[in-house]
Amino acid sequence: MVDSSLPGPTDLYIVGEMSASGSAPVSSGRLADELGDALPPASSLPAEAFELVERVRELVAAVVMTDVDADQRAAADRRVAGAPAR
């Protein structure tokens, strides 16, 4: 059963003073501190959720490390943007 009081994957979060434009990445620990009780306890998540997180981390690394032209990035952006609707 899904707890409707927990935020869903499309809910937006306003996160303190963090900025993605800084030179240092924001740690997941800092993000968790900022989001506080909005995050469900790890013990309530299925193993598949952790596996998905690992795949997403691999995807992020591939996006950052892949050197492709602007047209290819735009095409990939359109495909990723449509993924939640599937």
Protein backbone atom coordinates (compact mmCIF):
# COMPACT_ATOMS: atom_id res chain seq x y z
CA MET A 1 0.00 0.00 0.00
CA VAL A 2 1.28 3.48 -0.87
CA ASP A 3 1.24 6.08 1.87
CA SER A 4 -0.36 9.12 0.20
CA SER A 5 1.15 11.44 2.81
CA LEU A 6 4.59 10.74 1.36
CA PRO A 7 5.75 12.84 -1.57
CA GLY A 8 5.45 11.24 -4.99
CA PRO A 9 8.08 11.12 -7.73
CA THR A 10 6.62 14.19 -9.44
CA ASP A 11 6.35 16.35 -6.32
CA LEU A 12 8.65 19.36 -6.28
CA TYR A 13 10.93 20.16 -3.37
CA ILE A 14 12.33 23.52 -2.39
CA VAL A 15 15.71 22.70 -0.95
CA GLY A 16 17.34 25.30 1.28
CA GLU A 17 20.31 27.23 0.01
CA MET A 18 21.62 24.53 -2.31
CA SER A 19 22.51 25.42 -5.84
CA ALA A 20 23.43 23.16 -8.73
CA SER A 21 25.54 25.95 -10.19
CA GLY A 22 28.24 25.69 -7.50
CA SER A 23 31.61 24.12 -8.20
CA ALA A 24 31.12 21.27 -5.70
CA PRO A 25 28.37 18.65 -6.02
CA VAL A 26 25.70 18.47 -3.35
CA SER A 27 26.04 15.32 -1.29
CA SER A 28 23.14 12.94 -0.85
CA GLY A 29 23.59 13.36 2.91
CA ARG A 30 23.11 17.11 2.62
CA LEU A 31 20.07 16.59 0.42
CA ALA A 32 18.60 14.18 2.98
CA ASP A 33 19.23 16.73 5.75
CA GLU A 34 17.46 19.43 3.75
CA LEU A 35 14.47 17.25 2.83
CA GLY A 36 14.16 15.91 6.37
CA ASP A 37 10.98 13.99 7.06
CA ALA A 38 9.78 14.31 3.45
CA LEU A 39 11.84 11.21 2.63
CA PRO A 40 10.49 7.77 3.54
CA PRO A 41 12.65 5.62 5.81
CA ALA A 42 15.07 3.40 3.88
CA SER A 43 13.61 0.35 5.61
CA SER A 44 10.28 1.00 3.87
CA LEU A 45 11.78 0.85 0.37
CA PRO A 46 11.91 -2.37 -1.64
CA ALA A 47 15.23 -3.74 -2.90
CA GLU A 48 14.20 -2.76 -6.43
CA ALA A 49 14.26 0.91 -5.40
CA PHE A 50 17.93 0.62 -4.46
CA GLU A 51 18.69 -1.18 -7.71
CA LEU A 52 16.96 1.61 -9.63
CA VAL A 53 19.04 4.20 -7.80
CA GLU A 54 22.21 2.37 -8.85
CA ARG A 55 21.11 2.33 -12.50
CA VAL A 56 20.27 6.06 -12.35
CA ARG A 57 23.71 6.81 -10.87
CA GLU A 58 25.27 4.92 -13.77
CA LEU A 59 23.12 6.91 -16.19
CA VAL A 60 24.15 10.22 -14.61
CA ALA A 61 27.82 9.24 -14.84
CA ALA A 62 27.36 8.32 -18.51
CA VAL A 63 25.65 11.65 -19.24
CA VAL A 64 28.40 13.63 -17.56
CA MET A 65 31.29 11.66 -19.04
CA THR A 66 29.99 11.34 -22.63
CA ASP A 67 31.23 13.95 -25.06
CA VAL A 68 28.57 14.36 -27.75
CA ASP A 69 27.38 17.34 -29.76
CA ALA A 70 24.46 19.59 -28.79
CA ASP A 71 22.02 17.92 -31.20
CA GLN A 72 22.65 14.49 -29.68
CA ARG A 73 22.26 15.88 -26.16
CA ALA A 74 18.97 17.54 -27.18
CA ALA A 75 17.70 14.25 -28.65
CA ALA A 76 18.64 12.38 -25.48
CA ASP A 77 16.96 15.08 -23.39
CA ARG A 78 13.70 14.62 -25.30
CA ARG A 79 13.80 10.84 -24.78
CA VAL A 80 14.51 11.15 -21.06
CA ALA A 81 11.82 13.82 -20.64
CA GLY A 82 9.25 11.43 -22.11
CA ALA A 83 10.24 8.50 -19.88
CA PRO A 84 7.97 9.35 -16.90
CA ALA A 85 4.92 9.28 -19.17
CA ARG A 86 5.61 5.66 -20.19
